[in-house]
Protein backbone atom coordinates (compact mmCIF):
# COMPACT_ATOMS: atom_id res chain seq x y z
CA PRO A 1 2.27 1.51 -3.86
CA ASN A 2 -0.53 -0.61 -3.27
CA ASP A 3 1.29 -4.01 -3.75
CA HIS A 4 1.50 -5.68 -0.38
CA GLU A 5 3.91 -8.44 -1.30
CA VAL A 6 6.39 -5.17 -2.53
CA HIS A 7 5.63 -3.74 0.70
CA TYR A 8 6.82 -6.51 2.43
CA GLN A 9 10.03 -7.38 0.75
CA LEU A 10 10.46 -3.85 1.22
CA GLY A 11 10.06 -4.02 4.81
CA LEU A 12 12.53 -6.54 5.44
CA CYS A 13 14.98 -5.15 3.09
CA LEU A 14 14.98 -1.82 4.95
CA GLU A 15 15.12 -3.40 8.43
CA GLN A 16 18.44 -5.27 6.90
CA ALA A 17 19.66 -2.21 5.90
CA GLY A 18 19.17 -0.90 9.20
CA LYS A 19 16.68 1.90 9.01
CA PRO A 20 14.10 0.45 10.76
CA ASP A 21 11.18 3.31 11.10
CA GLU A 22 10.99 2.81 7.36
CA ALA A 23 10.88 -0.51 7.38
CA ARG A 24 8.11 -0.15 9.88
CA HIS A 25 6.27 2.46 7.47
CA HIS A 26 6.05 -0.17 4.86
CA ALA A 27 5.53 -3.08 7.43
CA GLU A 28 2.21 -1.33 8.30
CA ARG A 29 1.18 -0.54 5.14
CA PHE A 30 1.56 -4.45 4.57
CA LYS A 31 -0.50 -5.15 7.02
CA GLN A 32 -3.06 -2.65 6.21
CA VAL A 33 -3.14 -4.34 2.46
CA GLU A 34 -3.91 -7.84 3.93
CA ALA A 35 -6.60 -6.37 6.11
CA ASP A 36 -8.02 -4.59 3.17
CA LEU A 37 -8.09 -7.91 0.91
CA ARG A 38 -9.40 -10.39 3.44
CA ARG A 39 -12.19 -7.72 4.21
CA MET A 40 -12.95 -7.73 0.55
CA ASP A 41 -13.33 -11.50 0.93
CA GLU A 42 -16.07 -10.58 3.15
CA LEU A 43 -17.89 -8.30 1.39
CA LEU A 44 -18.09 -9.89 -1.87
CA LYS A 45 -19.94 -12.24 0.29
CA ALA A 46 -22.03 -10.27 1.76
CA VAL A 47 -23.16 -8.85 -1.56
CA VAL A 48 -23.81 -12.08 -2.61
CA ASN A 49 -26.24 -12.79 -0.16
CA GLY A 50 -27.49 -9.15 0.30
CA PRO A 51 -28.09 -8.17 -3.20
CA ARG A 52 -29.67 -4.61 -2.37
CA ASP A 53 -27.63 -3.68 0.54
CA PRO A 54 -25.57 -0.82 -0.89
CA ALA A 55 -23.54 -0.86 2.19
CA PRO A 56 -21.33 -3.89 1.36
CA ARG A 57 -20.89 -2.04 -2.43
CA ARG A 58 -20.35 1.39 -0.41
CA GLU A 59 -17.17 0.12 2.08
CA ALA A 60 -16.00 -2.00 -1.03
CA GLY A 61 -15.61 0.85 -3.16
CA LEU A 62 -13.76 2.99 -0.53
CA ILE A 63 -11.01 0.09 0.19
CA CYS A 64 -10.46 0.25 -3.64
CA LEU A 65 -10.03 4.10 -3.51
CA ARG A 66 -7.90 4.13 -0.41
CA ASN A 67 -5.97 1.45 -2.06
CA GLY A 68 -5.40 3.36 -5.46
CA GLN A 69 -7.96 1.49 -7.25
CA PRO A 70 -10.45 3.82 -8.74
CA ALA A 71 -11.73 2.34 -11.67
CA GLU A 72 -13.19 -0.65 -9.69
CA ALA A 73 -14.05 2.00 -6.98
CA LEU A 74 -16.84 3.08 -9.35
CA ARG A 75 -17.52 -0.56 -10.06
CA TRP A 76 -18.44 -1.31 -6.83
CA LEU A 77 -20.34 1.58 -6.57
CA GLN A 78 -22.67 1.70 -9.64
């Protein structure tokens, strides 16, 4: 459910199958996961630059939870 490539491909297939509402849902999810991946890169840099600042770790944990990765979220929060 959180694989951005799957959402992208499924969105394309649904669009071609004449199901624009379903295709739009998957396109939006693809964009959200892509944005989360970019933000995680930024947060990783922020953690390296400010290792004692809990804010980027918290945000990274929330992103992981949103994307169905509870174990990774806990790692970030610890």
